[in-house]
């Protein structure tokens, strides 16, 4: 077998990572790792999201579509 990392070593590594970080943080770590790898790949290949044209939803959004809400406590008077 080429290399020194095999299936038993990967399983041991997975168990150690699970014990150190816990099952609740693993999906978050996976997402951030994937996002970082995607950003690295895009920067290496020169793909920028700024080069893409704006979508139709972005072009048709008007300022009157934005609704501002204020918390109720700001409008109350103090006695």
PDB file of N, CA and C in Angstrom:
ATOM      1  N   UNK A   1       0.845  -1.174   0.000  1.00  0.00           N
ATOM      2  CA  UNK A   1       0.000   0.000   0.000  1.00  0.00           C
ATOM      3  C   UNK A   1       0.892   1.239   0.000  1.00  0.00           C
ATOM      4  N   UNK A   2       0.677   2.147  -0.960  1.00  0.00           N
ATOM      5  CA  UNK A   2       1.495   3.360  -1.000  1.00  0.00           C
ATOM      6  C   UNK A   2       1.098   4.308   0.134  1.00  0.00           C
ATOM      7  N   UNK A   3       2.078   4.949   0.698  1.00  0.00           N
ATOM      8  CA  UNK A   3       1.814   5.900   1.776  1.00  0.00           C
ATOM      9  C   UNK A   3       1.645   5.211   3.114  1.00  0.00           C
ATOM     10  N   UNK A   4       1.529   5.990   4.137  1.00  0.00           N
ATOM     11  CA  UNK A   4       1.402   5.417   5.468  1.00  0.00           C
ATOM     12  C   UNK A   4       0.022   5.657   6.071  1.00  0.00           C
ATOM     13  N   UNK A   5      -0.848   6.386   5.381  1.00  0.00           N
ATOM     14  CA  UNK A   5      -2.192   6.625   5.910  1.00  0.00           C
ATOM     15  C   UNK A   5      -3.163   5.652   5.257  1.00  0.00           C
ATOM     16  N   UNK A   6      -3.737   4.806   6.067  1.00  0.00           N
ATOM     17  CA  UNK A   6      -4.701   3.834   5.585  1.00  0.00           C
ATOM     18  C   UNK A   6      -6.040   4.024   6.278  1.00  0.00           C
ATOM     19  N   UNK A   7      -6.931   3.079   6.102  1.00  0.00           N
ATOM     20  CA  UNK A   7      -8.263   3.152   6.696  1.00  0.00           C
ATOM     21  C   UNK A   7      -8.220   3.149   8.231  1.00  0.00           C
ATOM     22  N   UNK A   8      -7.420   2.310   8.874  1.00  0.00           N
ATOM     23  CA  UNK A   8      -7.397   2.351  10.350  1.00  0.00           C
ATOM     24  C   UNK A   8      -6.914   3.701  10.892  1.00  0.00           C
ATOM     25  N   UNK A   9      -5.926   4.294  10.228  1.00  0.00           N
ATOM     26  CA  UNK A   9      -5.424   5.590  10.692  1.00  0.00           C
ATOM     27  C   UNK A   9      -6.473   6.683  10.521  1.00  0.00           C
ATOM     28  N   UNK A  10      -7.216   6.646   9.414  1.00  0.00           N
ATOM     29  CA  UNK A  10      -8.274   7.633   9.192  1.00  0.00           C
ATOM     30  C   UNK A  10      -9.392   7.487  10.213  1.00  0.00           C
ATOM     31  N   UNK A  11      -9.748   6.253  10.566  1.00  0.00           N
ATOM     32  CA  UNK A  11     -10.780   6.038  11.579  1.00  0.00           C
ATOM     33  C   UNK A  11     -10.339   6.552  12.947  1.00  0.00           C
ATOM     34  N   UNK A  12      -9.089   6.311  13.298  1.00  0.00           N
ATOM     35  CA  UNK A  12      -8.564   6.809  14.579  1.00  0.00           C
ATOM     36  C   UNK A  12      -8.566   8.338  14.582  1.00  0.00           C
ATOM     37  N   UNK A  13      -8.174   8.936  13.479  1.00  0.00           N
ATOM     38  CA  UNK A  13      -8.170  10.396  13.375  1.00  0.00           C
ATOM     39  C   UNK A  13      -9.586  10.951  13.507  1.00  0.00           C
ATOM     40  N   UNK A  14     -10.557  10.310  12.882  1.00  0.00           N
ATOM     41  CA  UNK A  14     -11.941  10.740  12.968  1.00  0.00           C
ATOM     42  C   UNK A  14     -12.457  10.661  14.407  1.00  0.00           C
ATOM     43  N   UNK A  15     -12.129   9.597  15.113  1.00  0.00           N
ATOM     44  CA  UNK A  15     -12.557   9.446  16.507  1.00  0.00           C
ATOM     45  C   UNK A  15     -11.918  10.519  17.382  1.00  0.00           C
ATOM     46  N   UNK A  16     -10.647  10.821  17.171  1.00  0.00           N
ATOM     47  CA  UNK A  16      -9.963  11.851  17.967  1.00  0.00           C
ATOM     48  C   UNK A  16     -10.591  13.221  17.710  1.00  0.00           C
ATOM     49  N   UNK A  17     -10.853  13.544  16.431  1.00  0.00           N
ATOM     50  CA  UNK A  17     -11.475  14.827  16.105  1.00  0.00           C
ATOM     51  C   UNK A  17     -12.864  14.911  16.721  1.00  0.00           C
ATOM     52  N   UNK A  18     -13.614  13.835  16.680  1.00  0.00           N
ATOM     53  CA  UNK A  18     -14.952  13.807  17.272  1.00  0.00           C
ATOM     54  C   UNK A  18     -14.882  14.024  18.782  1.00  0.00           C
ATOM     55  N   UNK A  19     -13.910  13.416  19.441  1.00  0.00           N
ATOM     56  CA  UNK A  19     -13.772  13.584  20.888  1.00  0.00           C
ATOM     57  C   UNK A  19     -13.321  14.997  21.257  1.00  0.00           C
ATOM     58  N   UNK A  20     -12.441  15.580  20.455  1.00  0.00           N
ATOM     59  CA  UNK A  20     -11.914  16.907  20.784  1.00  0.00           C
ATOM     60  C   UNK A  20     -12.952  17.995  20.534  1.00  0.00           C
ATOM     61  N   UNK A  21     -13.613  17.965  19.389  1.00  0.00           N
ATOM     62  CA  UNK A  21     -14.511  19.057  19.020  1.00  0.00           C
ATOM     63  C   UNK A  21     -15.975  18.785  19.321  1.00  0.00           C
ATOM     64  N   UNK A  22     -16.369  17.556  19.429  1.00  0.00           N
ATOM     65  CA  UNK A  22     -17.761  17.227  19.712  1.00  0.00           C
ATOM     66  C   UNK A  22     -18.605  17.188  18.451  1.00  0.00           C
ATOM     67  N   UNK A  23     -19.724  16.494  18.526  1.00  0.00           N
ATOM     68  CA  UNK A  23     -20.557  16.318  17.335  1.00  0.00           C
ATOM     69  C   UNK A  23     -21.288  17.579  16.881  1.00  0.00           C
ATOM     70  N   UNK A  24     -21.462  18.558  17.768  1.00  0.00           N
ATOM     71  CA  UNK A  24     -22.199  19.764  17.395  1.00  0.00           C
ATOM     72  C   UNK A  24     -21.346  20.734  16.582  1.00  0.00           C
ATOM     73  N   UNK A  25     -20.031  20.728  16.775  1.00  0.00           N
ATOM     74  CA  UNK A  25     -19.182  21.675  16.056  1.00  0.00           C
ATOM     75  C   UNK A  25     -18.651  21.111  14.738  1.00  0.00           C
ATOM     76  N   UNK A  26     -18.756  19.807  14.519  1.00  0.00           N
ATOM     77  CA  UNK A  26     -18.208  19.217  13.296  1.00  0.00           C
ATOM     78  C   UNK A  26     -18.864  19.747  12.018  1.00  0.00           C
ATOM     79  N   UNK A  27     -20.191  19.870  11.929  1.00  0.00           N
ATOM     80  CA  UNK A  27     -20.772  20.428  10.700  1.00  0.00           C
ATOM     81  C   UNK A  27     -20.328  21.865  10.425  1.00  0.00           C
ATOM     82  N   UNK A  28     -20.224  22.659  11.492  1.00  0.00           N
ATOM     83  CA  UNK A  28     -19.772  24.045  11.342  1.00  0.00           C
ATOM     84  C   UNK A  28     -18.328  24.087  10.835  1.00  0.00           C
ATOM     85  N   UNK A  29     -17.494  23.218  11.366  1.00  0.00           N
ATOM     86  CA  UNK A  29     -16.103  23.168  10.921  1.00  0.00           C
ATOM     87  C   UNK A  29     -16.012  22.696   9.476  1.00  0.00           C
ATOM     88  N   UNK A  30     -16.838  21.737   9.104  1.00  0.00           N
ATOM     89  CA  UNK A  30     -16.849  21.261   7.726  1.00  0.00           C
ATOM     90  C   UNK A  30     -17.267  22.351   6.753  1.00  0.00           C
ATOM     91  N   UNK A  31     -18.287  23.127   7.134  1.00  0.00           N
ATOM     92  CA  UNK A  31     -18.727  24.229   6.281  1.00  0.00           C
ATOM     93  C   UNK A  31     -17.633  25.267   6.116  1.00  0.00           C
ATOM     94  N   UNK A  32     -16.992  25.641   7.207  1.00  0.00           N
ATOM     95  CA  UNK A  32     -15.951  26.665   7.123  1.00  0.00           C
ATOM     96  C   UNK A  32     -14.741  26.150   6.341  1.00  0.00           C
ATOM     97  N   UNK A  33     -14.418  24.875   6.486  1.00  0.00           N
ATOM     98  CA  UNK A  33     -13.318  24.308   5.707  1.00  0.00           C
ATOM     99  C   UNK A  33     -13.659  24.306   4.221  1.00  0.00           C
ATOM    100  N   UNK A  34     -14.875  23.916   3.871  1.00  0.00           N
ATOM    101  CA  UNK A  34     -15.303  23.930   2.479  1.00  0.00           C
ATOM    102  C   UNK A  34     -15.314  25.325   1.890  1.00  0.00           C
ATOM    103  N   UNK A  35     -15.788  26.295   2.674  1.00  0.00           N
ATOM    104  CA  UNK A  35     -15.818  27.678   2.207  1.00  0.00           C
ATOM    105  C   UNK A  35     -14.405  28.197   1.983  1.00  0.00           C
ATOM    106  N   UNK A  36     -13.499  27.881   2.898  1.00  0.00           N
ATOM    107  CA  UNK A  36     -12.115  28.309   2.742  1.00  0.00           C
ATOM    108  C   UNK A  36     -11.453  27.694   1.522  1.00  0.00           C
ATOM    109  N   UNK A  37     -11.710  26.402   1.297  1.00  0.00           N
ATOM    110  CA  UNK A  37     -11.140  25.739   0.124  1.00  0.00           C
ATOM    111  C   UNK A  37     -11.709  26.331  -1.165  1.00  0.00           C
ATOM    112  N   UNK A  38     -13.005  26.637  -1.162  1.00  0.00           N
ATOM    113  CA  UNK A  38     -13.641  27.231  -2.344  1.00  0.00           C
ATOM    114  C   UNK A  38     -13.062  28.613  -2.628  1.00  0.00           C
ATOM    115  N   UNK A  39     -12.875  29.434  -1.579  1.00  0.00           N
ATOM    116  CA  UNK A  39     -12.298  30.767  -1.758  1.00  0.00           C
ATOM    117  C   UNK A  39     -10.860  30.676  -2.258  1.00  0.00           C
ATOM    118  N   UNK A  40     -10.097  29.724  -1.724  1.00  0.00           N
ATOM    119  CA  UNK A  40      -8.719  29.536  -2.176  1.00  0.00           C
ATOM    120  C   UNK A  40      -8.689  29.143  -3.649  1.00  0.00           C
ATOM    121  N   UNK A  41      -9.560  28.205  -4.030  1.00  0.00           N
ATOM    122  CA  UNK A  41      -9.614  27.759  -5.422  1.00  0.00           C
ATOM    123  C   UNK A  41     -10.000  28.909  -6.347  1.00  0.00           C
ATOM    124  N   UNK A  42     -10.984  29.713  -5.936  1.00  0.00           N
ATOM    125  CA  UNK A  42     -11.405  30.850  -6.740  1.00  0.00           C
ATOM    126  C   UNK A  42     -10.295  31.889  -6.874  1.00  0.00           C
ATOM    127  N   UNK A  43      -9.544  32.106  -5.801  1.00  0.00           N
ATOM    128  CA  UNK A  43      -8.462  33.083  -5.881  1.00  0.00           C
ATOM    129  C   UNK A  43      -7.316  32.582  -6.749  1.00  0.00           C
ATOM    130  N   UNK A  44      -7.068  31.287  -6.742  1.00  0.00           N
ATOM    131  CA  UNK A  44      -6.004  30.734  -7.570  1.00  0.00           C
ATOM    132  C   UNK A  44      -6.389  30.770  -9.046  1.00  0.00           C
ATOM    133  N   UNK A  45      -7.646  30.432  -9.354  1.00  0.00           N
ATOM    134  CA  UNK A  45      -8.075  30.408 -10.744  1.00  0.00           C
ATOM    135  C   UNK A  45      -8.452  31.794 -11.255  1.00  0.00           C
ATOM    136  N   UNK A  46      -8.634  32.752 -10.368  1.00  0.00           N
ATOM    137  CA  UNK A  46      -8.970  34.114 -10.782  1.00  0.00           C
ATOM    138  C   UNK A  46     -10.448  34.342 -10.961  1.00  0.00           C
ATOM    139  N   UNK A  47     -11.289  33.446 -10.479  1.00  0.00           N
ATOM    140  CA  UNK A  47     -12.742  33.633 -10.570  1.00  0.00           C
ATOM    141  C   UNK A  47     -13.194  34.578  -9.476  1.00  0.00           C
ATOM    142  N   UNK A  48     -13.800  35.689  -9.881  1.00  0.00           N
ATOM    143  CA  UNK A  48     -14.344  36.641  -8.919  1.00  0.00           C
ATOM    144  C   UNK A  48     -15.841  36.708  -9.089  1.00  0.00           C
ATOM    145  N   UNK A  49     -16.558  36.861  -7.995  1.00  0.00           N
ATOM    146  CA  UNK A  49     -18.005  36.988  -8.076  1.00  0.00           C
ATOM    147  C   UNK A  49     -18.392  38.379  -8.550  1.00  0.00           C
ATOM    148  N   UNK A  50     -17.471  39.347  -8.512  1.00  0.00           N
ATOM    149  CA  UNK A  50     -17.767  40.695  -8.972  1.00  0.00           C
ATOM    150  C   UNK A  50     -17.950  40.744 -10.487  1.00  0.00           C
ATOM    151  N   UNK A  51     -17.390  39.784 -11.208  1.00  0.00           N
ATOM    152  CA  UNK A  51     -17.493  39.764 -12.658  1.00  0.00           C
ATOM    153  C   UNK A  51     -18.864  39.320 -13.135  1.00  0.00           C
ATOM    154  N   UNK A  52     -19.641  38.663 -12.269  1.00  0.00           N
ATOM    155  CA  UNK A  52     -20.946  38.160 -12.660  1.00  0.00           C
ATOM    156  C   UNK A  52     -21.949  39.309 -12.726  1.00  0.00           C
ATOM    157  N   UNK A  53     -22.850  39.293 -13.708  1.00  0.00           N
ATOM    158  CA  UNK A  53     -23.866  40.355 -13.766  1.00  0.00           C
ATOM    159  C   UNK A  53     -24.856  40.217 -12.610  1.00  0.00           C
ATOM    160  N   UNK A  54     -25.486  41.322 -12.255  1.00  0.00           N
ATOM    161  CA  UNK A  54     -26.461  41.308 -11.159  1.00  0.00           C
ATOM    162  C   UNK A  54     -27.670  40.500 -11.569  1.00  0.00           C
ATOM    163  N   UNK A  55     -28.254  39.817 -10.625  1.00  0.00           N
ATOM    164  CA  UNK A  55     -29.433  39.006 -10.915  1.00  0.00           C
ATOM    165  C   UNK A  55     -30.653  39.904 -11.102  1.00  0.00           C
ATOM    166  N   UNK A  56     -31.706  39.352 -11.660  1.00  0.00           N
ATOM    167  CA  UNK A  56     -32.926  40.116 -11.919  1.00  0.00           C
ATOM    168  C   UNK A  56     -33.553  40.587 -10.612  1.00  0.00           C
ATOM    169  N   UNK A  57     -33.447  39.803  -9.559  1.00  0.00           N
ATOM    170  CA  UNK A  57     -34.021  40.187  -8.266  1.00  0.00           C
ATOM    171  C   UNK A  57     -33.302  41.407  -7.703  1.00  0.00           C
ATOM    172  N   UNK A  58     -32.008  41.500  -7.906  1.00  0.00           N
ATOM    173  CA  UNK A  58     -31.255  42.644  -7.416  1.00  0.00           C
ATOM    174  C   UNK A  58     -31.583  43.888  -8.221  1.00  0.00           C
ATOM    175  N   UNK A  59     -31.845  43.746  -9.511  1.00  0.00           N
ATOM    176  CA  UNK A  59     -32.136  44.890 -10.349  1.00  0.00           C
ATOM    177  C   UNK A  59     -33.532  45.440 -10.114  1.00  0.00           C
ATOM    178  N   UNK A  60     -34.482  44.596  -9.731  1.00  0.00           N
ATOM    179  CA  UNK A  60     -35.857  45.042  -9.574  1.00  0.00           C
ATOM    180  C   UNK A  60     -36.197  45.475  -8.159  1.00  0.00           C
ATOM    181  N   UNK A  61     -35.308  45.291  -7.207  1.00  0.00           N
ATOM    182  CA  UNK A  61     -35.590  45.681  -5.831  1.00  0.00           C
ATOM    183  C   UNK A  61     -35.619  47.201  -5.734  1.00  0.00           C
ATOM    184  N   UNK A  62     -36.718  47.716  -5.256  1.00  0.00           N
ATOM    185  CA  UNK A  62     -36.895  49.156  -5.131  1.00  0.00           C
ATOM    186  C   UNK A  62     -36.787  49.552  -3.665  1.00  0.00           C
ATOM    187  N   UNK A  63     -36.423  50.810  -3.391  1.00  0.00           N
ATOM    188  CA  UNK A  63     -36.305  51.240  -1.989  1.00  0.00           C
ATOM    189  C   UNK A  63     -37.605  51.129  -1.216  1.00  0.00           C
ATOM    190  N   UNK A  64     -38.772  51.272  -1.873  1.00  0.00           N
ATOM    191  CA  UNK A  64     -40.028  51.174  -1.150  1.00  0.00           C
ATOM    192  C   UNK A  64     -40.318  49.749  -0.696  1.00  0.00           C
ATOM    193  N   UNK A  65     -39.571  48.761  -1.232  1.00  0.00           N
ATOM    194  CA  UNK A  65     -39.761  47.381  -0.804  1.00  0.00           C
ATOM    195  C   UNK A  65     -39.173  47.130   0.580  1.00  0.00           C
ATOM    196  N   UNK A  66     -38.323  48.026   1.041  1.00  0.00           N
ATOM    197  CA  UNK A  66     -37.676  47.853   2.337  1.00  0.00           C
ATOM    198  C   UNK A  66     -38.593  48.384   3.425  1.00  0.00           C
ATOM    199  N   UNK A  67     -38.852  47.555   4.421  1.00  0.00           N
ATOM    200  CA  UNK A  67     -39.734  47.936   5.524  1.00  0.00           C
ATOM    201  C   UNK A  67     -38.880  48.056   6.773  1.00  0.00           C
ATOM    202  N   UNK A  68     -38.934  49.223   7.384  1.00  0.00           N
ATOM    203  CA  UNK A  68     -38.190  49.423   8.619  1.00  0.00           C
ATOM    204  C   UNK A  68     -39.124  49.189   9.797  1.00  0.00           C
ATOM    205  N   UNK A  69     -38.632  48.468  10.785  1.00  0.00           N
ATOM    206  CA  UNK A  69     -39.416  48.220  11.985  1.00  0.00           C
ATOM    207  C   UNK A  69     -38.660  48.765  13.178  1.00  0.00           C
ATOM    208  N   UNK A  70     -39.403  49.288  14.118  1.00  0.00           N
ATOM    209  CA  UNK A  70     -38.789  49.780  15.347  1.00  0.00           C
ATOM    210  C   UNK A  70     -39.339  48.979  16.510  1.00  0.00           C
ATOM    211  N   UNK A  71     -38.524  48.734  17.492  1.00  0.00           N
ATOM    212  CA  UNK A  71     -39.008  48.005  18.668  1.00  0.00           C
ATOM    213  C   UNK A  71     -40.072  48.826  19.397  1.00  0.00           C
ATOM    214  N   UNK A  72     -41.004  48.149  20.035  1.00  0.00           N
ATOM    215  CA  UNK A  72     -42.096  48.814  20.745  1.00  0.00           C
ATOM    216  C   UNK A  72     -41.587  49.636  21.914  1.00  0.00           C
ATOM    217  N   UNK A  73     -40.528  49.213  22.539  1.00  0.00           N
ATOM    218  CA  UNK A  73     -40.059  49.904  23.746  1.00  0.00           C
ATOM    219  C   UNK A  73     -39.574  51.322  23.444  1.00  0.00           C
ATOM    220  N   UNK A  74     -39.106  51.591  22.254  1.00  0.00           N
ATOM    221  CA  UNK A  74     -38.633  52.923  21.921  1.00  0.00           C
ATOM    222  C   UNK A  74     -39.803  53.909  21.866  1.00  0.00           C
ATOM    223  N   UNK A  75     -40.990  53.449  21.501  1.00  0.00           N
ATOM    224  CA  UNK A  75     -42.138  54.322  21.348  1.00  0.00           C
ATOM    225  C   UNK A  75     -42.896  54.573  22.647  1.00  0.00           C
ATOM    226  N   UNK A  76     -42.600  53.825  23.701  1.00  0.00           N
ATOM    227  CA  UNK A  76     -43.296  53.973  24.963  1.00  0.00           C
ATOM    228  C   UNK A  76     -42.750  55.155  25.754  1.00  0.00           C
ATOM    229  N   UNK A  77     -43.608  55.823  26.475  1.00  0.00           N
ATOM    230  CA  UNK A  77     -43.175  56.925  27.337  1.00  0.00           C
ATOM    231  C   UNK A  77     -42.933  56.410  28.743  1.00  0.00           C
ATOM    232  N   UNK A  78     -41.987  57.021  29.398  1.00  0.00           N
ATOM    233  CA  UNK A  78     -41.647  56.632  30.764  1.00  0.00           C
ATOM    234  C   UNK A  78     -42.338  57.561  31.730  1.00  0.00           C
ATOM    235  N   UNK A  79     -43.040  57.030  32.728  1.00  0.00           N
ATOM    236  CA  UNK A  79     -43.766  57.850  33.708  1.00  0.00           C
ATOM    237  C   UNK A  79     -42.940  58.046  34.933  1.00  0.00           C
TER     238      UNK A  79
END
